[in-house]
Amino acid sequence: MTNRYETVFILTPVLSEDQTKEAVKKIKDLIKTGRGKVHHEESWGMRKLAYPIQKKSTGFYHLIEFEADPAFVAKLETEYRRDERVIRFLTTKMDKHHLAFAERKRNKQKETVETANA
């Protein structure tokens, strides 16, 4: 039985763009090798942190929405802890209301982009 999850992680700001992409690819590959399926991902870019973490005040935020077995989440979070590029992470299980909200939000963003390009 699989569940839908949403994970947000913050990467250290000292990484280059290529290093950031490689770190995100590593997480996505880990999900895929754990027999999970990535449904959606967003890069939120560099943002200011609410409070300093490891003497850093900014970080690269990234969101991945995926489907996997419940036991896999523990493996994913262990990998986050081992990776020195990840300074914070949060993984939550998505219920039906959360899924509906995420879908509406994505559709609204698509409409905004389409009207801006028209």
Protein backbone atom coordinates (compact mmCIF):
# COMPACT_ATOMS: atom_id res chain seq x y z
CA MET A 1 0.00 0.00 0.00
CA THR A 2 1.38 3.39 -0.95
CA ASN A 3 0.62 6.87 0.34
CA ARG A 4 1.19 10.32 -1.12
CA TYR A 5 3.77 12.48 0.60
CA GLU A 6 5.10 15.98 0.26
CA THR A 7 8.67 16.75 1.27
CA VAL A 8 10.27 20.17 1.50
CA PHE A 9 13.99 20.45 2.06
CA ILE A 10 16.41 23.34 2.36
CA LEU A 11 19.86 23.11 0.81
CA THR A 12 22.83 25.11 2.02
CA PRO A 13 23.27 28.44 0.17
CA VAL A 14 26.97 27.92 -0.60
CA LEU A 15 26.15 25.44 -3.41
CA SER A 16 26.39 26.35 -7.08
CA GLU A 17 23.39 25.90 -9.37
CA ASP A 18 24.82 22.61 -10.70
CA GLN A 19 25.44 21.30 -7.18
CA THR A 20 21.88 22.19 -6.21
CA LYS A 21 20.47 20.36 -9.25
CA GLU A 22 22.64 17.34 -8.46
CA ALA A 23 21.41 17.25 -4.84
CA VAL A 24 17.76 17.40 -5.99
CA LYS A 25 18.42 14.69 -8.59
CA LYS A 26 19.93 12.49 -5.89
CA ILE A 27 16.76 12.78 -3.78
CA LYS A 28 14.50 12.09 -6.78
CA ASP A 29 16.59 9.06 -7.76
CA LEU A 30 16.39 7.78 -4.18
CA ILE A 31 12.59 8.01 -4.34
CA LYS A 32 12.53 6.16 -7.67
CA THR A 33 14.89 3.40 -6.49
CA GLY A 34 12.70 2.98 -3.41
CA ARG A 35 9.84 2.09 -5.81
CA GLY A 36 8.27 5.50 -5.35
CA LYS A 37 6.82 7.78 -7.98
CA VAL A 38 7.46 11.52 -8.19
CA HIS A 39 4.21 13.35 -9.05
CA HIS A 40 5.29 16.98 -8.83
CA GLU A 41 8.29 19.09 -7.92
CA GLU A 42 8.90 22.79 -7.44
CA SER A 43 12.05 24.77 -6.89
CA TRP A 44 11.30 27.77 -4.71
CA GLY A 45 14.80 29.20 -5.14
CA MET A 46 16.88 30.93 -2.52
CA ARG A 47 14.89 32.34 0.38
CA LYS A 48 15.62 33.95 3.69
CA LEU A 49 15.34 31.61 6.67
CA ALA A 50 13.12 32.52 9.63
CA TYR A 51 16.12 32.05 11.92
CA PRO A 52 19.79 31.20 11.33
CA ILE A 53 20.60 27.50 10.85
CA GLN A 54 24.28 26.49 11.06
CA LYS A 55 25.18 30.21 10.88
CA LYS A 56 23.37 30.55 7.55
CA SER A 57 20.50 32.99 6.96
CA THR A 58 19.40 31.81 3.48
CA GLY A 59 18.88 28.49 1.71
CA PHE A 60 17.61 26.85 -1.48
CA TYR A 61 14.07 25.52 -0.94
CA HIS A 62 12.73 22.58 -2.94
CA LEU A 63 9.41 20.70 -2.78
CA ILE A 64 8.77 17.17 -4.09
CA GLU A 65 5.37 15.46 -4.08
CA PHE A 66 5.70 11.69 -4.34
CA GLU A 67 4.01 8.35 -3.76
CA ALA A 68 5.78 5.60 -1.78
CA ASP A 69 5.47 2.95 0.90
CA PRO A 70 5.25 4.28 4.46
CA ALA A 71 8.49 2.49 5.43
CA PHE A 72 10.38 4.38 2.71
CA VAL A 73 9.89 7.76 4.44
CA ALA A 74 12.22 6.71 7.27
CA LYS A 75 14.91 5.79 4.71
CA LEU A 76 14.45 9.13 2.93
CA GLU A 77 14.78 11.10 6.16
CA THR A 78 17.88 9.11 7.12
CA GLU A 79 19.39 10.11 3.79
CA TYR A 80 18.51 13.77 4.46
CA ARG A 81 20.35 13.56 7.80
CA ARG A 82 23.43 12.02 6.14
CA ASP A 83 23.65 14.62 3.37
CA GLU A 84 25.57 17.66 4.61
CA ARG A 85 24.00 19.82 1.86
CA VAL A 86 20.53 19.50 3.46
CA ILE A 87 20.14 21.84 6.43
CA ARG A 88 16.42 21.23 7.12
CA PHE A 89 13.63 18.97 5.83
CA LEU A 90 9.98 18.16 6.49
CA THR A 91 7.98 15.27 5.05
CA THR A 92 4.20 15.08 5.50
CA LYS A 93 1.59 12.56 4.44
CA MET A 94 -1.02 14.09 2.16
CA ASP A 95 -4.68 13.39 2.90
CA LYS A 96 -7.50 13.95 0.39
CA HIS A 97 -7.92 17.61 1.38
CA HIS A 98 -4.21 18.29 1.05
CA LEU A 99 -4.17 16.62 -2.39
CA ALA A 100 -7.14 18.69 -3.56
CA PHE A 101 -5.53 21.91 -2.32
CA ALA A 102 -2.22 21.12 -4.05
CA GLU A 103 -4.03 20.34 -7.32
CA ARG A 104 -6.03 23.60 -7.18
CA LYS A 105 -2.86 25.56 -6.45
CA ARG A 106 -1.04 24.02 -9.44
CA ASN A 107 -3.99 24.68 -11.77
CA LYS A 108 -4.18 28.30 -10.61
CA GLN A 109 -0.46 28.74 -11.30
CA LYS A 110 -0.87 27.27 -14.80
CA GLU A 111 -3.73 29.67 -15.56
CA THR A 112 -1.68 32.63 -14.35
CA VAL A 113 1.26 31.65 -16.56
CA GLU A 114 -0.98 31.05 -19.59
CA THR A 115 -2.72 34.43 -19.28
CA ALA A 116 0.63 36.18 -18.82
CA ASN A 117 1.96 34.53 -22.00
CA ALA A 118 -1.19 35.29 -24.04
